[in-house]
Amino acid sequence: CRATWITPVTTPDVVKSDIATRCGFQPRDDSDPPVSHMYHITSTNPASPQLVLSGTAEIPLGGMFANKIFPSRSLPKKVVGIGHAFRSEAGARSADTRGLYQLFAVTTAETSESMMEEMKNIQQSILFGLELPFRILDMPTEELGSSLDAGRGTWGEVTSLSNCTDYQSRRLHIRYRPQESRDAHDEAPSTPSGRLPFAHTLNGTAAAIPRLIVALLENGAVFDDKGELCGLKLPKTLQPFWICPLPGRDIIQWC
């Protein structure tokens, strides 16, 4: 991952509400009025912009590239955002999403599909390294991906990946300047009235820490004949980062 995603970013916890809306974070429930899943910050100055706690690192990462024009040869822009995920506990989707390492990319329309495959490979490599059983689902926009949750006897979402095409970039005004072709037969992408094309944005969860901890515990728990917890199997990948346990309390089995 380090060789592929060059720029790490520690994202702010507070962002402008306008940026969150432009990224597509809007109420999704059917209540009247709709309930926001974001925490709004009340300002003492009415002239100040409305602020919210960032629901995911995707929001400030998108804001980083807002109102910018990039030469096509400088794309893709690839960053890893490290941040929190403050969301109201309005439903199951909001309850398991705190603490994210978020992948974010800005690229051209011609390369966004290949970029999505690259990001998916990074996500798979993390789950393979943790030896977690998982399945990849090509899902509609209102659903998310899943991994096995043995405790509940079903699959639970551990990561997701979205190609937003130009949905966010149109609202954030992220554009690129196509490189002029040296071959007379090759034409640069054209847009109505000669306007610069909008870039494509992609985002994916590299590691949602609480979700991964739950998945490791659920899939690694070892029980004795009485149904009592007697051990925990964890992948050797994590062993170098393990804090030495107290004497007589080492129940970890490195596999």
Protein backbone atom coordinates (compact mmCIF):
# COMPACT_ATOMS: atom_id res chain seq x y z
CA CYS A 1 0.00 0.00 0.00
CA ARG A 2 2.81 2.40 0.82
CA ALA A 3 4.23 2.07 -2.67
CA THR A 4 0.85 2.79 -4.27
CA TRP A 5 -0.76 5.46 -2.09
CA ILE A 6 1.87 8.12 -1.80
CA THR A 7 0.28 10.93 0.21
CA PRO A 8 -1.03 10.28 3.76
CA VAL A 9 -3.32 12.95 5.18
CA THR A 10 -4.51 13.47 8.75
CA THR A 11 -7.96 14.89 8.13
CA PRO A 12 -9.71 17.48 10.34
CA ASP A 13 -12.68 16.46 12.46
CA VAL A 14 -14.62 19.65 11.68
CA VAL A 15 -15.65 20.54 8.12
CA LYS A 16 -18.03 22.95 6.42
CA SER A 17 -21.54 21.60 6.09
CA ASP A 18 -21.57 22.74 2.48
CA ILE A 19 -18.63 20.47 1.62
CA ALA A 20 -20.36 17.49 3.24
CA THR A 21 -23.51 18.16 1.23
CA ARG A 22 -21.55 18.50 -2.00
CA CYS A 23 -19.91 15.14 -1.29
CA GLY A 24 -23.38 13.60 -1.10
CA PHE A 25 -23.86 13.24 2.64
CA GLN A 26 -27.56 13.92 3.06
CA PRO A 27 -30.36 12.41 5.18
CA ARG A 28 -31.46 9.00 3.89
CA ASP A 29 -34.33 8.10 6.19
CA ASP A 30 -38.06 8.59 5.65
CA SER A 31 -38.82 10.65 8.74
CA ASP A 32 -40.46 14.07 8.45
CA PRO A 33 -38.41 16.16 8.68
CA PRO A 34 -35.48 13.95 7.60
CA VAL A 35 -32.97 13.23 10.38
CA SER A 36 -29.37 14.13 9.61
CA HIS A 37 -26.70 11.54 10.42
CA MET A 38 -24.16 14.30 11.03
CA TYR A 39 -23.43 16.27 14.17
CA HIS A 40 -23.92 20.00 13.56
CA ILE A 41 -21.90 22.58 15.49
CA THR A 42 -23.77 25.66 16.66
CA SER A 43 -21.86 28.87 16.04
CA THR A 44 -22.15 32.00 18.19
CA ASN A 45 -21.57 34.11 15.08
CA PRO A 46 -24.47 33.98 12.59
CA ALA A 47 -22.14 35.09 9.80
CA SER A 48 -19.85 32.07 10.25
CA PRO A 49 -20.24 29.10 7.88
CA GLN A 50 -22.20 26.15 9.23
CA LEU A 51 -19.86 23.44 10.52
CA VAL A 52 -20.31 19.70 11.14
CA LEU A 53 -18.23 16.90 12.58
CA SER A 54 -16.79 14.92 9.71
CA GLY A 55 -18.80 11.74 9.10
CA THR A 56 -15.89 10.18 7.19
CA ALA A 57 -12.43 11.19 5.96
CA GLU A 58 -13.89 11.25 2.46
CA ILE A 59 -15.48 14.65 3.14
CA PRO A 60 -12.33 16.67 4.01
CA LEU A 61 -10.36 14.78 1.37
CA GLY A 62 -12.88 15.85 -1.25
CA GLY A 63 -12.71 19.39 0.05
CA MET A 64 -8.93 19.39 -0.46
CA PHE A 65 -9.45 19.23 -4.22
CA ALA A 66 -12.46 21.57 -4.46
CA ASN A 67 -12.36 24.43 -6.99
CA LYS A 68 -9.17 23.17 -8.61
CA ILE A 69 -8.12 22.43 -12.17
CA PHE A 70 -5.44 19.78 -12.73
CA PRO A 71 -3.40 19.02 -15.85
CA SER A 72 -4.44 15.54 -16.94
CA ARG A 73 -0.81 14.40 -16.87
CA SER A 74 -0.76 15.11 -13.09
CA LEU A 75 -3.64 12.72 -12.46
CA PRO A 76 -4.46 10.53 -10.68
CA LYS A 77 -4.16 12.20 -7.30
CA LYS A 78 -4.10 9.47 -4.65
CA VAL A 79 -4.27 10.02 -0.91
CA VAL A 80 -4.87 8.04 2.26
CA GLY A 81 -6.92 9.88 4.84
CA ILE A 82 -6.66 9.03 8.53
CA GLY A 83 -9.55 10.32 10.57
CA HIS A 84 -12.62 9.69 12.67
CA ALA A 85 -16.19 9.10 11.57
CA PHE A 86 -18.71 11.04 13.62
CA ARG A 87 -22.22 9.88 12.77
CA SER A 88 -25.47 9.90 14.66
CA GLU A 89 -26.62 6.51 15.90
CA ALA A 90 -29.71 6.67 13.70
CA GLY A 91 -29.51 3.11 12.48
CA ALA A 92 -27.35 0.06 11.91
CA ARG A 93 -25.44 1.75 9.11
CA SER A 94 -24.28 4.49 11.45
CA ALA A 95 -23.42 2.35 14.44
CA ASP A 96 -20.29 0.56 13.21
CA THR A 97 -18.40 3.20 11.30
CA ARG A 98 -16.05 5.01 13.68
CA GLY A 99 -12.31 5.28 13.03
CA LEU A 100 -11.46 5.07 9.35
CA TYR A 101 -8.46 4.88 7.07
CA GLN A 102 -9.98 6.17 3.84
CA LEU A 103 -8.63 5.87 0.30
CA PHE A 104 -9.49 8.75 -2.01
CA ALA A 105 -8.55 9.36 -5.64
CA VAL A 106 -9.12 12.01 -8.27
CA THR A 107 -8.63 10.83 -11.83
CA THR A 108 -9.81 11.28 -15.39
CA ALA A 109 -12.99 9.78 -16.79
CA GLU A 110 -10.94 7.44 -18.97
CA THR A 111 -9.05 5.84 -16.07
CA SER A 112 -11.59 5.76 -13.24
CA GLU A 113 -12.57 2.12 -13.79
CA SER A 114 -8.95 0.94 -13.64
CA MET A 115 -8.43 3.08 -10.54
CA MET A 116 -11.39 1.36 -8.90
CA GLU A 117 -9.77 -2.03 -9.54
CA GLU A 118 -6.52 -0.78 -8.03
CA MET A 119 -8.30 0.39 -4.89
CA LYS A 120 -10.22 -2.88 -4.63
CA ASN A 121 -6.95 -4.81 -4.77
CA ILE A 122 -5.62 -2.78 -1.84
CA GLN A 123 -8.72 -3.54 0.20
CA GLN A 124 -8.47 -7.25 -0.61
CA SER A 125 -4.80 -7.37 0.36
CA ILE A 126 -5.65 -6.00 3.82
CA LEU A 127 -8.41 -8.57 4.40
CA PHE A 128 -6.25 -11.40 3.04
CA GLY A 129 -3.44 -10.32 5.36
CA LEU A 130 -5.80 -10.52 8.33
CA GLU A 131 -7.06 -13.91 7.11
CA LEU A 132 -10.68 -12.83 7.33
CA PRO A 133 -13.33 -14.64 5.28
CA PHE A 134 -15.06 -12.14 3.07
CA ARG A 135 -17.06 -11.82 -0.10
CA ILE A 136 -17.15 -9.03 -2.67
CA LEU A 137 -20.55 -7.77 -3.71
CA ASP A 138 -21.38 -5.54 -6.66
CA MET A 139 -24.18 -3.64 -5.02
CA PRO A 140 -26.59 -0.76 -5.69
CA THR A 141 -25.66 2.61 -4.30
CA GLU A 142 -27.83 2.35 -1.19
CA GLU A 143 -26.15 -0.85 0.02
CA LEU A 144 -22.67 -1.73 1.33
CA GLY A 145 -20.25 -4.65 1.22
CA SER A 146 -19.95 -7.39 3.82
CA SER A 147 -17.70 -9.80 5.69
CA LEU A 148 -18.57 -12.82 7.80
CA ASP A 149 -19.84 -12.03 11.31
CA ALA A 150 -19.88 -15.41 13.01
CA GLY A 151 -21.48 -14.16 16.22
CA ARG A 152 -24.60 -13.01 14.41
CA GLY A 153 -24.51 -15.86 11.90
CA THR A 154 -24.53 -13.45 8.99
CA TRP A 155 -22.31 -11.10 7.00
CA GLY A 156 -21.42 -7.63 8.23
CA GLU A 157 -19.97 -4.75 6.26
CA VAL A 158 -16.24 -4.14 6.84
CA THR A 159 -15.31 -2.04 3.85
CA SER A 160 -16.82 -0.34 0.82
CA LEU A 161 -15.65 1.14 -2.44
CA SER A 162 -17.39 3.70 -4.63
CA ASN A 163 -16.71 5.21 -8.02
CA CYS A 164 -18.62 8.47 -7.78
CA THR A 165 -17.69 9.38 -11.38
CA ASP A 166 -18.43 13.12 -11.70
CA TYR A 167 -21.19 13.32 -9.06
CA GLN A 168 -18.93 14.91 -6.44
CA SER A 169 -16.61 16.74 -8.81
CA ARG A 170 -19.49 18.65 -10.42
CA ARG A 171 -20.56 19.91 -7.01
CA LEU A 172 -17.01 20.49 -5.77
CA HIS A 173 -15.87 21.96 -9.10
CA ILE A 174 -12.94 19.57 -9.61
CA ARG A 175 -11.87 19.67 -13.25
CA TYR A 176 -8.89 18.73 -15.36
CA ARG A 177 -7.27 20.08 -18.49
CA PRO A 178 -6.87 17.33 -21.12
CA GLN A 179 -3.40 16.96 -22.55
CA GLU A 180 -3.24 17.90 -26.19
CA SER A 181 -2.51 14.90 -28.36
CA ARG A 182 0.56 14.91 -30.59
CA ASP A 183 -1.23 12.60 -33.03
CA ALA A 184 -3.67 14.36 -35.32
CA HIS A 185 -5.91 11.28 -35.29
CA ASP A 186 -6.21 11.28 -31.47
CA GLU A 187 -8.54 13.87 -30.07
CA ALA A 188 -8.61 15.04 -26.49
CA PRO A 189 -11.92 14.56 -24.64
CA SER A 190 -14.36 17.24 -25.67
CA THR A 191 -17.13 18.87 -23.69
CA PRO A 192 -20.00 21.18 -24.68
CA SER A 193 -18.91 24.77 -25.38
CA GLY A 194 -15.27 23.75 -24.94
CA ARG A 195 -15.60 23.55 -21.16
CA LEU A 196 -13.04 21.63 -19.16
CA PRO A 197 -14.23 18.13 -18.21
CA PHE A 198 -15.00 17.20 -14.64
CA ALA A 199 -12.69 14.73 -12.95
CA HIS A 200 -13.90 11.45 -11.46
CA THR A 201 -13.60 10.81 -7.73
CA LEU A 202 -13.37 7.45 -5.99
CA ASN A 203 -13.28 6.54 -2.34
CA GLY A 204 -12.98 3.38 -0.33
CA THR A 205 -12.53 2.33 3.28
CA ALA A 206 -9.07 0.86 3.71
CA ALA A 207 -9.56 -0.03 7.37
CA ALA A 208 -12.50 0.71 9.65
CA ILE A 209 -10.78 -0.24 12.91
CA PRO A 210 -13.81 -1.18 15.06
CA ARG A 211 -15.26 -3.30 12.26
CA LEU A 212 -12.00 -5.18 11.81
CA ILE A 213 -11.62 -5.76 15.55
CA VAL A 214 -15.14 -7.21 15.70
CA ALA A 215 -14.46 -9.43 12.68
CA LEU A 216 -11.19 -10.70 14.19
CA LEU A 217 -12.86 -11.48 17.52
CA GLU A 218 -15.90 -13.12 15.95
CA ASN A 219 -13.90 -15.32 13.59
CA GLY A 220 -10.98 -16.10 15.94
CA ALA A 221 -12.82 -17.00 19.15
CA VAL A 222 -12.04 -20.52 20.48
CA PHE A 223 -14.49 -22.26 22.86
CA ASP A 224 -14.09 -25.35 25.03
CA ASP A 225 -16.53 -28.23 25.40
CA LYS A 226 -18.58 -26.21 27.89
CA GLY A 227 -18.95 -23.33 25.49
CA GLU A 228 -16.61 -21.13 27.47
CA LEU A 229 -14.14 -18.87 25.71
CA CYS A 230 -10.68 -20.41 26.07
CA GLY A 231 -8.61 -18.79 23.35
CA LEU A 232 -8.41 -16.41 20.45
CA LYS A 233 -6.79 -17.16 17.11
CA LEU A 234 -5.18 -14.17 15.44
CA PRO A 235 -3.12 -13.92 12.24
CA LYS A 236 0.66 -13.83 12.65
CA THR A 237 0.61 -10.58 10.69
CA LEU A 238 -0.49 -8.82 13.88
CA GLN A 239 1.99 -10.51 16.25
CA PRO A 240 4.76 -7.89 15.92
CA PHE A 241 2.28 -5.23 17.10
CA TRP A 242 0.93 -7.22 20.05
CA ILE A 243 1.47 -5.79 23.54
CA CYS A 244 2.95 -8.45 25.83
CA PRO A 245 0.14 -9.92 27.97
CA LEU A 246 0.23 -10.35 31.74
CA PRO A 247 1.73 -13.64 32.97
CA GLY A 248 -0.78 -16.49 32.93
CA ARG A 249 -3.29 -14.61 30.77
CA ASP A 250 -1.95 -15.35 27.31
CA ILE A 251 -4.87 -16.90 25.43
CA ILE A 252 -3.75 -15.75 22.01
CA GLN A 253 -2.98 -18.41 19.40
CA TRP A 254 -0.98 -17.05 16.47
CA CYS A 255 -1.94 -18.82 13.26
